[in-house]
Amino acid sequence: RRRPGDPTGVWIADGATLEVRHLQLPGGKETVKFGGPGQKPGQFQQIHQLEAGPSGRVYVGDYGKNVIAVFSPAGAFEFEIPWQTTGFCLDDKEQILTIRHSEDSGYLLETYSTKGKLVKTTHLGLPTHQNPRIWTLEKDGSFWVTFVPSGGFRGFLNLIHFSDAGAPTGKWVFHTPAGMNRFQE
């Protein structure tokens, strides 16, 4: 029996066909399908991350094309933004947050509007760290990022908490499991 608040659907990414599908719950009836292999906008090379926002929009991180592609709830392509495959998350306004590396200044947190325009850049620094991945954004604007420590991967990552202004507020050593695509608090 369904209860109030139960999910009514789920988005899945098919790594073999490079398609994104929405399945209705219960029952699993497919209601939306988009994507497929290719280089054109709305097509994919290597889907790695999938997020759905409160508006129903779907956000697809494509490692092969180095973009985050945004789609309407009905699966219509809207826009792409550049991505250095550093993970991404959505804020409470459904803006996209991701990390970019700059040779001059280290790491930068970039915030993109719901129209795909860069609206804010926050300096994080940490130039000796490698392979950042933003995981989650807290209600207060602070966020969590994992980095491969200076010297390369040796079975652990540095998990760093940043304030909303981009200042590191805590660091933990995080021993990773054999395979990890996502973790949440």
C-alpha atoms as a PDB file:
ATOM      1  CA  ARG A   1       0.000   0.000   0.000  1.00  0.00           C
ATOM      2  CA  ARG A   2       1.315   3.461  -0.939  1.00  0.00           C
ATOM      3  CA  ARG A   3       1.823   6.035   1.767  1.00  0.00           C
ATOM      4  CA  PRO A   4       2.071   9.821   1.489  1.00  0.00           C
ATOM      5  CA  GLY A   5       5.645  10.761   0.613  1.00  0.00           C
ATOM      6  CA  ASP A   6       6.450   7.467  -1.126  1.00  0.00           C
ATOM      7  CA  PRO A   7       8.386   7.998  -4.384  1.00  0.00           C
ATOM      8  CA  THR A   8       6.286   7.919  -7.532  1.00  0.00           C
ATOM      9  CA  GLY A   9       9.174   7.284  -9.897  1.00  0.00           C
ATOM     10  CA  VAL A  10      12.892   6.730 -10.288  1.00  0.00           C
ATOM     11  CA  TRP A  11      15.470   7.903 -12.850  1.00  0.00           C
ATOM     12  CA  ILE A  12      18.050   5.375 -14.025  1.00  0.00           C
ATOM     13  CA  ALA A  13      21.068   5.684 -16.311  1.00  0.00           C
ATOM     14  CA  ASP A  14      21.827   2.706 -18.545  1.00  0.00           C
ATOM     15  CA  GLY A  15      25.588   2.517 -19.072  1.00  0.00           C
ATOM     16  CA  ALA A  16      25.248   0.028 -21.940  1.00  0.00           C
ATOM     17  CA  THR A  17      22.775   1.971 -24.112  1.00  0.00           C
ATOM     18  CA  LEU A  18      23.768   5.420 -22.774  1.00  0.00           C
ATOM     19  CA  GLU A  19      20.110   6.261 -22.204  1.00  0.00           C
ATOM     20  CA  VAL A  20      18.370   7.792 -19.213  1.00  0.00           C
ATOM     21  CA  ARG A  21      14.960   6.436 -18.291  1.00  0.00           C
ATOM     22  CA  HIS A  22      12.210   7.348 -15.863  1.00  0.00           C
ATOM     23  CA  LEU A  23      10.314   4.429 -14.369  1.00  0.00           C
ATOM     24  CA  GLN A  24       6.955   4.890 -12.669  1.00  0.00           C
ATOM     25  CA  LEU A  25       6.519   3.385  -9.199  1.00  0.00           C
ATOM     26  CA  PRO A  26       5.037   1.014  -8.406  1.00  0.00           C
ATOM     27  CA  GLY A  27       5.170  -1.212 -11.450  1.00  0.00           C
ATOM     28  CA  GLY A  28       8.213   0.085 -13.307  1.00  0.00           C
ATOM     29  CA  LYS A  29       6.424   1.409 -16.412  1.00  0.00           C
ATOM     30  CA  GLU A  30       8.840   3.508 -18.497  1.00  0.00           C
ATOM     31  CA  THR A  31       7.473   7.033 -18.887  1.00  0.00           C
ATOM     32  CA  VAL A  32      10.468   8.951 -20.316  1.00  0.00           C
ATOM     33  CA  LYS A  33      13.590   7.918 -22.233  1.00  0.00           C
ATOM     34  CA  PHE A  34      16.311  10.109 -23.735  1.00  0.00           C
ATOM     35  CA  GLY A  35      19.981  10.127 -24.718  1.00  0.00           C
ATOM     36  CA  GLY A  36      21.889   7.465 -26.609  1.00  0.00           C
ATOM     37  CA  PRO A  37      25.507   7.326 -27.763  1.00  0.00           C
ATOM     38  CA  GLY A  38      27.011  10.263 -29.624  1.00  0.00           C
ATOM     39  CA  GLN A  39      28.720  13.645 -29.450  1.00  0.00           C
ATOM     40  CA  LYS A  40      25.707  15.852 -30.186  1.00  0.00           C
ATOM     41  CA  PRO A  41      23.991  17.801 -27.377  1.00  0.00           C
ATOM     42  CA  GLY A  42      21.652  15.435 -25.541  1.00  0.00           C
ATOM     43  CA  GLN A  43      23.725  12.357 -26.396  1.00  0.00           C
ATOM     44  CA  PHE A  44      26.288  10.684 -24.138  1.00  0.00           C
ATOM     45  CA  GLN A  45      29.715   9.063 -24.194  1.00  0.00           C
ATOM     46  CA  GLN A  46      30.100   7.849 -20.591  1.00  0.00           C
ATOM     47  CA  ILE A  47      27.374   8.588 -18.058  1.00  0.00           C
ATOM     48  CA  HIS A  48      28.828   8.808 -14.574  1.00  0.00           C
ATOM     49  CA  GLN A  49      26.447  10.817 -12.385  1.00  0.00           C
ATOM     50  CA  LEU A  50      22.705  11.389 -12.452  1.00  0.00           C
ATOM     51  CA  GLU A  51      20.750  13.860 -10.309  1.00  0.00           C
ATOM     52  CA  ALA A  52      17.110  14.946 -10.320  1.00  0.00           C
ATOM     53  CA  GLY A  53      16.146  18.364  -9.001  1.00  0.00           C
ATOM     54  CA  PRO A  54      12.967  19.422  -7.192  1.00  0.00           C
ATOM     55  CA  SER A  55      11.677  20.964 -10.439  1.00  0.00           C
ATOM     56  CA  GLY A  56      11.874  17.545 -12.108  1.00  0.00           C
ATOM     57  CA  ARG A  57      14.848  18.514 -14.265  1.00  0.00           C
ATOM     58  CA  VAL A  58      17.467  15.815 -14.800  1.00  0.00           C
ATOM     59  CA  TYR A  59      21.237  16.471 -14.605  1.00  0.00           C
ATOM     60  CA  VAL A  60      23.618  14.007 -16.264  1.00  0.00           C
ATOM     61  CA  GLY A  61      27.380  14.078 -15.712  1.00  0.00           C
ATOM     62  CA  ASP A  62      29.148  12.683 -18.795  1.00  0.00           C
ATOM     63  CA  TYR A  63      32.799  11.710 -18.260  1.00  0.00           C
ATOM     64  CA  GLY A  64      33.338  11.072 -21.973  1.00  0.00           C
ATOM     65  CA  LYS A  65      32.233  14.546 -23.092  1.00  0.00           C
ATOM     66  CA  ASN A  66      33.304  16.424 -19.923  1.00  0.00           C
ATOM     67  CA  VAL A  67      29.901  18.077 -19.567  1.00  0.00           C
ATOM     68  CA  ILE A  68      26.897  18.176 -17.297  1.00  0.00           C
ATOM     69  CA  ALA A  69      23.826  17.968 -19.535  1.00  0.00           C
ATOM     70  CA  VAL A  70      20.479  19.293 -18.290  1.00  0.00           C
ATOM     71  CA  PHE A  71      17.080  17.967 -19.412  1.00  0.00           C
ATOM     72  CA  SER A  72      13.461  18.919 -18.763  1.00  0.00           C
ATOM     73  CA  PRO A  73      11.255  16.508 -16.790  1.00  0.00           C
ATOM     74  CA  ALA A  74       9.945  15.289 -20.162  1.00  0.00           C
ATOM     75  CA  GLY A  75      13.493  14.528 -21.371  1.00  0.00           C
ATOM     76  CA  ALA A  76      14.007  17.534 -23.662  1.00  0.00           C
ATOM     77  CA  PHE A  77      17.634  18.693 -23.833  1.00  0.00           C
ATOM     78  CA  GLU A  78      18.106  22.185 -22.350  1.00  0.00           C
ATOM     79  CA  PHE A  79      21.855  22.947 -22.112  1.00  0.00           C
ATOM     80  CA  GLU A  80      25.317  21.659 -21.196  1.00  0.00           C
ATOM     81  CA  ILE A  81      27.997  23.175 -18.987  1.00  0.00           C
ATOM     82  CA  PRO A  82      31.711  22.284 -18.973  1.00  0.00           C
ATOM     83  CA  TRP A  83      32.761  19.775 -16.346  1.00  0.00           C
ATOM     84  CA  GLN A  84      36.135  18.494 -15.173  1.00  0.00           C
ATOM     85  CA  THR A  85      34.504  15.263 -13.873  1.00  0.00           C
ATOM     86  CA  THR A  86      34.696  16.464 -10.275  1.00  0.00           C
ATOM     87  CA  GLY A  87      31.207  15.507  -9.194  1.00  0.00           C
ATOM     88  CA  PHE A  88      28.411  18.022  -8.842  1.00  0.00           C
ATOM     89  CA  CYS A  89      25.485  18.827  -6.602  1.00  0.00           C
ATOM     90  CA  LEU A  90      22.469  21.113  -6.609  1.00  0.00           C
ATOM     91  CA  ASP A  91      21.733  23.895  -4.139  1.00  0.00           C
ATOM     92  CA  ASP A  92      18.290  24.820  -2.805  1.00  0.00           C
ATOM     93  CA  LYS A  93      17.704  27.067  -5.862  1.00  0.00           C
ATOM     94  CA  GLU A  94      18.684  24.126  -8.108  1.00  0.00           C
ATOM     95  CA  GLN A  95      21.871  25.834  -9.201  1.00  0.00           C
ATOM     96  CA  ILE A  96      24.677  23.452 -10.186  1.00  0.00           C
ATOM     97  CA  LEU A  97      27.873  23.410  -8.100  1.00  0.00           C
ATOM     98  CA  THR A  98      31.034  21.790  -9.418  1.00  0.00           C
ATOM     99  CA  ILE A  99      34.799  22.160  -9.017  1.00  0.00           C
ATOM    100  CA  ARG A 100      37.316  23.331 -11.604  1.00  0.00           C
ATOM    101  CA  HIS A 101      41.106  23.312 -11.418  1.00  0.00           C
ATOM    102  CA  SER A 102      43.139  26.355 -12.420  1.00  0.00           C
ATOM    103  CA  GLU A 103      46.913  26.141 -12.832  1.00  0.00           C
ATOM    104  CA  ASP A 104      47.206  29.666 -11.412  1.00  0.00           C
ATOM    105  CA  SER A 105      45.066  29.360  -8.286  1.00  0.00           C
ATOM    106  CA  GLY A 106      44.287  25.724  -7.486  1.00  0.00           C
ATOM    107  CA  TYR A 107      40.678  24.595  -7.106  1.00  0.00           C
ATOM    108  CA  LEU A 108      37.595  26.733  -7.617  1.00  0.00           C
ATOM    109  CA  LEU A 109      33.980  25.994  -6.702  1.00  0.00           C
ATOM    110  CA  GLU A 110      31.784  27.158  -9.578  1.00  0.00           C
ATOM    111  CA  THR A 111      28.068  27.831  -9.294  1.00  0.00           C
ATOM    112  CA  TYR A 112      25.916  27.794 -12.442  1.00  0.00           C
ATOM    113  CA  SER A 113      22.406  29.236 -12.687  1.00  0.00           C
ATOM    114  CA  THR A 114      19.362  27.229 -13.743  1.00  0.00           C
ATOM    115  CA  LYS A 115      19.992  28.634 -17.237  1.00  0.00           C
ATOM    116  CA  GLY A 116      23.592  27.345 -17.354  1.00  0.00           C
ATOM    117  CA  LYS A 117      25.375  30.663 -16.747  1.00  0.00           C
ATOM    118  CA  LEU A 118      28.341  30.878 -14.371  1.00  0.00           C
ATOM    119  CA  VAL A 119      27.145  33.113 -11.506  1.00  0.00           C
ATOM    120  CA  LYS A 120      29.747  32.607  -8.759  1.00  0.00           C
ATOM    121  CA  THR A 121      33.301  31.349  -8.324  1.00  0.00           C
ATOM    122  CA  THR A 122      34.700  30.567  -4.868  1.00  0.00           C
ATOM    123  CA  HIS A 123      38.437  30.012  -4.381  1.00  0.00           C
ATOM    124  CA  LEU A 124      39.296  26.765  -2.552  1.00  0.00           C
ATOM    125  CA  GLY A 125      43.048  26.581  -3.175  1.00  0.00           C
ATOM    126  CA  LEU A 126      44.685  23.274  -2.161  1.00  0.00           C
ATOM    127  CA  PRO A 127      46.902  23.100  -5.275  1.00  0.00           C
ATOM    128  CA  THR A 128      48.817  19.985  -4.121  1.00  0.00           C
ATOM    129  CA  HIS A 129      45.659  17.874  -3.848  1.00  0.00           C
ATOM    130  CA  GLN A 130      44.362  15.862  -6.813  1.00  0.00           C
ATOM    131  CA  ASN A 131      41.106  14.538  -8.274  1.00  0.00           C
ATOM    132  CA  PRO A 132      38.507  16.470  -6.265  1.00  0.00           C
ATOM    133  CA  ARG A 133      34.913  15.282  -6.072  1.00  0.00           C
ATOM    134  CA  ILE A 134      32.154  17.359  -4.501  1.00  0.00           C
ATOM    135  CA  TRP A 135      29.635  15.111  -2.775  1.00  0.00           C
ATOM    136  CA  THR A 136      27.009  17.110  -0.997  1.00  0.00           C
ATOM    137  CA  LEU A 137      25.926  20.606  -0.046  1.00  0.00           C
ATOM    138  CA  GLU A 138      24.589  21.365   3.439  1.00  0.00           C
ATOM    139  CA  LYS A 139      21.661  23.684   4.198  1.00  0.00           C
ATOM    140  CA  ASP A 140      24.089  26.319   5.539  1.00  0.00           C
ATOM    141  CA  GLY A 141      25.960  26.390   2.193  1.00  0.00           C
ATOM    142  CA  SER A 142      28.935  24.360   3.431  1.00  0.00           C
ATOM    143  CA  PHE A 143      29.989  21.368   1.348  1.00  0.00           C
ATOM    144  CA  TRP A 144      32.050  18.156   1.356  1.00  0.00           C
ATOM    145  CA  VAL A 145      34.830  17.280  -1.108  1.00  0.00           C
ATOM    146  CA  THR A 146      37.139  14.287  -1.374  1.00  0.00           C
ATOM    147  CA  PHE A 147      40.658  14.711  -2.755  1.00  0.00           C
ATOM    148  CA  VAL A 148      43.449  12.300  -3.585  1.00  0.00           C
ATOM    149  CA  PRO A 149      46.220  13.479  -1.257  1.00  0.00           C
ATOM    150  CA  SER A 150      49.471  14.968  -2.460  1.00  0.00           C
ATOM    151  CA  GLY A 151      51.691  12.152  -3.739  1.00  0.00           C
ATOM    152  CA  GLY A 152      48.851  10.089  -5.231  1.00  0.00           C
ATOM    153  CA  PHE A 153      46.263   7.523  -4.197  1.00  0.00           C
ATOM    154  CA  ARG A 154      47.402   5.067  -1.519  1.00  0.00           C
ATOM    155  CA  GLY A 155      44.084   3.515  -0.458  1.00  0.00           C
ATOM    156  CA  PHE A 156      42.616   6.627   1.134  1.00  0.00           C
ATOM    157  CA  LEU A 157      41.186  10.028   0.296  1.00  0.00           C
ATOM    158  CA  ASN A 158      41.134  13.299   2.201  1.00  0.00           C
ATOM    159  CA  LEU A 159      37.548  14.241   3.034  1.00  0.00           C
ATOM    160  CA  ILE A 160      37.431  18.006   3.530  1.00  0.00           C
ATOM    161  CA  HIS A 161      34.531  20.083   4.792  1.00  0.00           C
ATOM    162  CA  PHE A 162      34.402  23.649   3.442  1.00  0.00           C
ATOM    163  CA  SER A 163      32.410  26.616   4.736  1.00  0.00           C
ATOM    164  CA  ASP A 164      30.071  28.413   2.349  1.00  0.00           C
ATOM    165  CA  ALA A 165      32.935  30.894   1.769  1.00  0.00           C
ATOM    166  CA  GLY A 166      35.299  28.109   0.666  1.00  0.00           C
ATOM    167  CA  ALA A 167      37.419  27.885   3.821  1.00  0.00           C
ATOM    168  CA  PRO A 168      38.404  24.368   4.941  1.00  0.00           C
ATOM    169  CA  THR A 169      36.810  23.685   8.354  1.00  0.00           C
ATOM    170  CA  GLY A 170      37.767  20.044   8.864  1.00  0.00           C
ATOM    171  CA  LYS A 171      39.764  17.222   7.303  1.00  0.00           C
ATOM    172  CA  TRP A 172      39.404  13.468   7.737  1.00  0.00           C
ATOM    173  CA  VAL A 173      41.234  10.538   6.199  1.00  0.00           C
ATOM    174  CA  PHE A 174      38.693   8.406   4.391  1.00  0.00           C
ATOM    175  CA  HIS A 175      39.662   4.809   3.569  1.00  0.00           C
ATOM    176  CA  THR A 176      37.747   3.892   0.449  1.00  0.00           C
ATOM    177  CA  PRO A 177      35.950   0.632  -0.294  1.00  0.00           C
ATOM    178  CA  ALA A 178      36.936  -1.347  -3.391  1.00  0.00           C
ATOM    179  CA  GLY A 179      34.318   0.504  -5.452  1.00  0.00           C
ATOM    180  CA  MET A 180      32.548   3.727  -4.584  1.00  0.00           C
ATOM    181  CA  ASN A 181      30.288   5.872  -6.709  1.00  0.00           C
ATOM    182  CA  ARG A 182      28.344   7.751  -4.058  1.00  0.00           C
ATOM    183  CA  PHE A 183      28.032   8.357  -0.371  1.00  0.00           C
ATOM    184  CA  GLN A 184      25.704  10.581   1.604  1.00  0.00           C
ATOM    185  CA  GLU A 185      25.352  11.550   5.207  1.00  0.00           C
END
